[in-house]
Amino acid sequence: MSALNTVPFEKFHGTGNDFFVVDAEDPVPDRPEFARTHCDRDAGISLSESDRRGADGVLFLALEDRYDPPRVVMTLVQPDGSVAAMCGNGARVAAAWAAERADTSEVMIDTPAGTRRATIEDDYVSVEMGVPSFAPRDVPLDSGDELVEAAVGDLTVTAVNTGVPHAVAFVDDVDEVDLEAVAPSIRHAPLFPEGANVTIASPDGEGGFHQRTFERGVEGETRSCGTGAVAVVAVAKRLGLVEDDDPVTVSPPGGELTVTVPDDGTALLGGPAVHEGDGEADVVFRQR
């Protein structure tokens, strides 16, 4: 038998990367089922008739405000029910959510990929993203060598971990690539034993990059990907397309992000985190 209940949620987006946010104190016994049901783009939750159904994931957040600065434990369950180790836009949303409740401008975010510091000013959030790694064991790769400008599927990619694995390809024009067609064979390539996000980028003519990402766990293209934006700049530096530590503008379809990848130290991702609205979501409780 089963019983139906509801939990409150908030919906946020970071440059179009949208999430349902659920307070971890509210019981959701089967988080993967909850995410699969409510994130579905055809049958998932919508806040209104004009709102896009579903989301790119559910953020289960636990605020621990006894610390200074406050901490928020972030668990991102993706539309396929898997848990992502890190999500740049999700981390910025988590920081905005926690900052509002704790009345603070600085938050520590505990993720499966490590603890990240975030600063908040109005709806603009900057979050530390860790140090990008090209090491095969970190990506990870089914190889002892780094993957730099190598042919995988129909693209020439470089592999980097920015909290999650990315296969990054620079192309002449991101809009000319059929990403839904070319990405799956790379995302599932045997070279990536845990799979990979597939990110393409092209120069914007002003020192920045246009970006599109096919996300693992979403199994499709999203309007923005924060770890992908960091991956673009990290790979651009590795290939000599960016030569200093200045902030770089990366533009996914959903807006603009600012990325800094220093030679030494953690990468930084900045951009807006916007509260879209609130709602109630069904939760099924299994009874024995």
Protein backbone atom coordinates (compact mmCIF):
# COMPACT_ATOMS: atom_id res chain seq x y z
CA MET A 1 0.00 0.00 0.00
CA SER A 2 1.00 3.63 -0.37
CA ALA A 3 -0.10 7.01 0.92
CA LEU A 4 0.11 10.35 -0.85
CA ASN A 5 1.43 13.46 0.81
CA THR A 6 2.96 16.74 -0.37
CA VAL A 7 6.10 18.73 0.37
CA PRO A 8 6.69 22.41 -0.32
CA PHE A 9 9.31 23.35 -2.90
CA GLU A 10 10.82 26.47 -4.38
CA LYS A 11 11.92 26.80 -7.96
CA PHE A 12 15.13 28.62 -8.88
CA HIS A 13 17.21 28.96 -11.99
CA GLY A 14 20.78 29.99 -12.70
CA THR A 15 21.03 31.31 -16.28
CA GLY A 16 18.22 28.97 -17.28
CA ASN A 17 19.53 25.90 -15.43
CA ASP A 18 16.42 25.24 -13.32
CA PHE A 19 15.94 23.31 -10.09
CA PHE A 20 13.27 22.40 -7.61
CA VAL A 21 14.57 23.11 -4.11
CA VAL A 22 13.31 20.98 -1.22
CA ASP A 23 14.29 21.53 2.40
CA ALA A 24 15.97 18.29 3.53
CA GLU A 25 13.92 18.43 6.74
CA ASP A 26 10.82 17.66 4.70
CA PRO A 27 10.57 13.88 4.27
CA VAL A 28 10.98 12.48 0.76
CA PRO A 29 11.53 8.71 1.22
CA ASP A 30 12.42 7.97 -2.41
CA ARG A 31 14.41 10.88 -3.77
CA PRO A 32 15.25 9.27 -7.14
CA GLU A 33 11.56 8.55 -7.82
CA PHE A 34 10.64 12.08 -6.74
CA ALA A 35 13.16 13.59 -9.18
CA ARG A 36 12.21 11.30 -12.07
CA THR A 37 8.53 12.12 -11.61
CA HIS A 38 8.64 15.86 -11.08
CA CYS A 39 11.59 16.83 -13.33
CA ASP A 40 10.04 15.26 -16.42
CA ARG A 41 9.80 17.92 -19.13
CA ASP A 42 6.52 16.55 -20.48
CA ALA A 43 4.64 15.49 -17.34
CA GLY A 44 6.50 17.16 -14.47
CA ILE A 45 5.55 20.10 -12.27
CA SER A 46 4.82 23.55 -13.67
CA LEU A 47 4.21 26.64 -11.57
CA SER A 48 1.72 28.03 -14.08
CA GLU A 49 0.32 27.31 -17.53
CA SER A 50 3.07 29.43 -19.08
CA ASP A 51 5.87 27.89 -16.99
CA ARG A 52 8.15 25.27 -18.48
CA ARG A 53 7.36 21.84 -17.02
CA GLY A 54 9.93 19.90 -15.05
CA ALA A 55 13.46 20.90 -14.12
CA ASP A 56 17.11 19.96 -14.54
CA GLY A 57 17.16 18.42 -11.08
CA VAL A 58 16.03 18.56 -7.46
CA LEU A 59 18.25 20.19 -4.85
CA PHE A 60 17.73 18.72 -1.38
CA LEU A 61 19.26 21.32 0.94
CA ALA A 62 20.01 21.19 4.68
CA LEU A 63 20.91 24.50 6.32
CA GLU A 64 23.26 24.41 9.29
CA ASP A 65 23.23 28.00 10.53
CA ARG A 66 25.05 27.35 13.80
CA TYR A 67 28.31 27.79 11.89
CA ASP A 68 29.97 31.06 10.89
CA PRO A 69 29.65 31.36 7.98
CA PRO A 70 26.55 29.15 7.72
CA ARG A 71 26.80 25.84 5.88
CA VAL A 72 24.36 24.18 3.53
CA VAL A 73 24.54 20.49 2.66
CA MET A 74 23.63 20.09 -1.03
CA THR A 75 22.41 16.91 -2.69
CA LEU A 76 21.44 17.18 -6.35
CA VAL A 77 19.26 14.37 -7.66
CA GLN A 78 19.05 14.50 -11.44
CA PRO A 79 16.07 13.70 -13.68
CA ASP A 80 17.28 10.12 -14.18
CA GLY A 81 17.47 9.58 -10.41
CA SER A 82 21.26 9.73 -10.16
CA VAL A 83 23.16 12.00 -7.76
CA ALA A 84 25.61 14.52 -9.23
CA ALA A 85 28.82 15.14 -7.27
CA MET A 86 28.83 18.80 -8.21
CA CYS A 87 26.76 21.36 -10.10
CA GLY A 88 27.98 24.93 -10.47
CA ASN A 89 24.61 26.54 -11.07
CA GLY A 90 23.02 24.29 -8.47
CA ALA A 91 25.63 25.38 -5.94
CA ARG A 92 24.88 29.02 -6.70
CA VAL A 93 21.16 28.35 -6.19
CA ALA A 94 21.92 26.53 -2.91
CA ALA A 95 23.95 29.52 -1.73
CA ALA A 96 21.16 31.96 -2.58
CA TRP A 97 18.60 29.78 -0.79
CA ALA A 98 20.77 29.46 2.32
CA ALA A 99 21.81 33.12 2.37
CA GLU A 100 18.20 34.28 2.42
CA ARG A 101 17.38 32.07 5.39
CA ALA A 102 20.53 32.84 7.36
CA ASP A 103 20.61 36.54 6.43
CA THR A 104 24.22 36.37 5.30
CA SER A 105 26.37 37.19 2.28
CA GLU A 106 28.71 34.21 2.62
CA VAL A 107 27.90 30.49 2.71
CA MET A 108 29.88 27.25 2.78
CA ILE A 109 28.37 24.53 0.57
CA ASP A 110 29.03 20.87 1.38
CA THR A 111 28.82 18.74 -1.79
CA PRO A 112 29.97 15.20 -2.65
CA ALA A 113 32.83 16.86 -4.56
CA GLY A 114 33.98 18.85 -1.52
CA THR A 115 33.18 22.03 0.37
CA ARG A 116 32.83 25.25 -1.63
CA ARG A 117 32.69 28.85 -0.46
CA ALA A 118 30.10 31.16 -2.02
CA THR A 119 29.44 34.89 -1.77
CA ILE A 120 26.07 36.49 -2.47
CA GLU A 121 25.21 40.05 -3.48
CA ASP A 122 21.55 40.57 -4.34
CA ASP A 123 20.80 37.83 -6.90
CA TYR A 124 24.44 37.47 -8.05
CA VAL A 125 26.29 34.50 -6.60
CA SER A 126 29.97 33.57 -6.95
CA VAL A 127 31.10 30.12 -5.90
CA GLU A 128 34.49 28.45 -5.65
CA MET A 129 34.60 25.43 -7.96
CA GLY A 130 37.81 23.69 -6.94
CA VAL A 131 40.84 23.11 -9.13
CA PRO A 132 40.08 21.61 -12.56
CA SER A 133 41.93 18.36 -13.18
CA PHE A 134 43.01 16.70 -16.42
CA ALA A 135 44.45 13.67 -14.60
CA PRO A 136 43.03 10.38 -15.95
CA ARG A 137 42.15 9.10 -12.46
CA ASP A 138 40.28 12.29 -11.65
CA VAL A 139 38.21 12.63 -14.84
CA PRO A 140 38.09 9.54 -14.74
CA LEU A 141 39.39 7.95 -17.93
CA ASP A 142 39.84 4.33 -18.92
CA SER A 143 43.41 5.21 -19.85
CA GLY A 144 46.67 6.15 -18.21
CA ASP A 145 47.11 9.21 -20.40
CA GLU A 146 45.44 12.60 -20.37
CA LEU A 147 42.90 13.14 -23.14
CA VAL A 148 43.85 16.37 -24.93
CA GLU A 149 42.45 17.20 -28.36
CA ALA A 150 41.67 13.61 -29.24
CA ALA A 151 38.97 12.33 -31.57
CA VAL A 152 36.05 10.78 -29.71
CA GLY A 153 32.95 10.13 -31.77
CA ASP A 154 32.40 13.04 -34.15
CA LEU A 155 34.27 15.65 -32.11
CA THR A 156 37.81 16.44 -31.03
CA VAL A 157 37.66 16.69 -27.27
CA THR A 158 39.71 17.39 -24.17
CA ALA A 159 38.69 15.72 -20.92
CA VAL A 160 38.65 17.60 -17.61
CA ASN A 161 36.99 17.22 -14.23
CA THR A 162 35.47 20.40 -12.79
CA GLY A 163 33.57 18.58 -10.06
CA VAL A 164 32.10 16.24 -12.68
CA PRO A 165 33.69 14.95 -15.92
CA HIS A 166 33.44 16.99 -19.11
CA ALA A 167 34.49 16.24 -22.67
CA VAL A 168 35.07 19.71 -24.17
CA ALA A 169 35.24 20.43 -27.91
CA PHE A 170 35.97 23.79 -29.52
CA VAL A 171 34.06 24.33 -32.76
CA ASP A 172 33.62 27.22 -35.19
CA ASP A 173 29.99 27.86 -34.21
CA VAL A 174 28.13 26.05 -31.43
CA ASP A 175 24.81 26.76 -33.14
CA GLU A 176 25.84 24.75 -36.19
CA VAL A 177 26.34 21.54 -34.18
CA ASP A 178 23.51 19.01 -33.77
CA LEU A 179 24.41 18.35 -30.15
CA GLU A 180 21.61 15.88 -29.50
CA ALA A 181 22.94 13.77 -32.38
CA VAL A 182 26.69 13.85 -31.69
CA ALA A 183 26.80 13.95 -27.88
CA PRO A 184 25.40 10.53 -26.81
CA SER A 185 28.22 8.49 -28.37
CA ILE A 186 30.76 10.64 -26.51
CA ARG A 187 28.79 10.73 -23.26
CA HIS A 188 28.71 6.90 -23.26
CA ALA A 189 32.15 6.27 -24.80
CA PRO A 190 34.02 3.37 -23.12
CA LEU A 191 36.88 5.81 -22.53
CA PHE A 192 34.71 7.41 -19.82
CA PRO A 193 33.89 4.62 -17.32
CA GLU A 194 31.52 6.92 -15.40
CA GLY A 195 30.25 8.72 -18.49
CA ALA A 196 30.89 12.37 -19.32
CA ASN A 197 29.08 15.61 -19.89
CA VAL A 198 29.64 16.82 -23.44
CA THR A 199 30.37 20.54 -23.79
CA ILE A 200 31.03 22.46 -26.99
CA ALA A 201 32.32 26.02 -27.20
CA SER A 202 33.17 28.64 -29.79
CA PRO A 203 34.85 32.07 -29.43
CA ASP A 204 32.44 35.00 -29.16
CA GLY A 205 34.86 37.48 -30.80
CA GLU A 206 35.25 39.47 -27.56
CA GLY A 207 37.55 37.19 -25.58
CA GLY A 208 34.80 34.95 -24.25
CA PHE A 209 33.00 31.85 -25.44
CA HIS A 210 29.57 30.60 -26.41
CA GLN A 211 28.75 27.28 -24.74
CA ARG A 212 26.32 24.39 -25.07
CA THR A 213 26.27 21.28 -22.87
CA PHE A 214 24.65 17.86 -23.09
CA GLU A 215 24.40 16.84 -19.44
CA ARG A 216 24.92 13.39 -18.01
CA GLY A 217 21.95 12.54 -15.78
CA VAL A 218 19.68 14.93 -17.63
CA GLU A 219 20.47 13.02 -20.85
CA GLY A 220 19.90 16.06 -22.97
CA GLU A 221 20.98 19.64 -23.52
CA THR A 222 20.39 22.16 -20.74
CA ARG A 223 20.11 25.93 -21.03
CA SER A 224 23.19 26.36 -18.88
CA CYS A 225 25.86 24.27 -17.15
CA GLY A 226 28.15 25.85 -14.59
CA THR A 227 30.69 23.03 -14.38
CA GLY A 228 30.68 23.09 -18.20
CA ALA A 229 31.46 26.81 -18.27
CA VAL A 230 34.42 26.25 -15.95
CA ALA A 231 35.50 23.32 -18.13
CA VAL A 232 35.45 25.56 -21.22
CA VAL A 233 37.83 28.08 -19.65
CA ALA A 234 40.06 25.42 -18.09
CA VAL A 235 40.47 23.69 -21.46
CA ALA A 236 40.90 27.03 -23.25
CA LYS A 237 43.81 27.81 -20.94
CA ARG A 238 45.27 24.35 -21.48
CA LEU A 239 45.13 24.85 -25.27
CA GLY A 240 46.50 28.40 -25.15
CA LEU A 241 43.23 30.08 -26.16
CA VAL A 242 43.23 32.03 -22.88
CA GLU A 243 46.56 33.22 -21.55
CA ASP A 244 45.94 34.99 -18.24
CA ASP A 245 43.94 34.74 -15.03
CA ASP A 246 41.38 37.40 -15.89
CA PRO A 247 37.66 36.58 -15.69
CA VAL A 248 36.20 35.14 -18.90
CA THR A 249 32.60 35.51 -20.03
CA VAL A 250 30.98 32.21 -20.99
CA SER A 251 27.53 32.39 -22.59
CA PRO A 252 25.29 29.32 -22.58
CA PRO A 253 21.82 29.71 -24.14
CA GLY A 254 20.36 30.82 -20.79
CA GLY A 255 22.55 33.85 -20.11
CA GLU A 256 26.06 34.91 -19.14
CA LEU A 257 28.42 33.40 -16.60
CA THR A 258 31.78 34.74 -15.43
CA VAL A 259 34.57 32.21 -14.97
CA THR A 260 38.05 32.65 -13.51
CA VAL A 261 40.55 29.78 -13.71
CA PRO A 262 43.81 30.87 -12.08
CA ASP A 263 47.09 29.07 -12.61
CA ASP A 264 47.16 28.38 -8.87
CA GLY A 265 44.06 28.02 -6.73
CA THR A 266 40.39 27.34 -7.12
CA ALA A 267 38.28 28.27 -10.12
CA LEU A 268 35.46 30.77 -9.57
CA LEU A 269 32.01 30.79 -11.18
CA GLY A 270 29.71 33.80 -11.00
CA GLY A 271 26.22 34.55 -12.26
CA PRO A 272 22.61 35.20 -11.27
CA ALA A 273 20.47 32.87 -9.16
CA VAL A 274 16.79 33.69 -9.56
CA HIS A 275 13.82 32.58 -7.46
CA GLU A 276 10.94 31.75 -9.81
CA GLY A 277 8.20 30.73 -7.39
CA ASP A 278 6.88 28.22 -4.87
CA GLY A 279 4.67 25.18 -5.02
CA GLU A 280 3.68 21.81 -3.55
CA ALA A 281 4.86 18.46 -4.88
CA ASP A 282 3.32 15.04 -4.37
CA VAL A 283 5.30 12.48 -2.37
CA VAL A 284 4.42 8.81 -2.22
CA PHE A 285 4.99 7.01 1.08
CA ARG A 286 5.14 3.23 0.82
CA GLN A 287 3.36 1.42 3.64
CA ARG A 288 4.05 -2.13 4.71
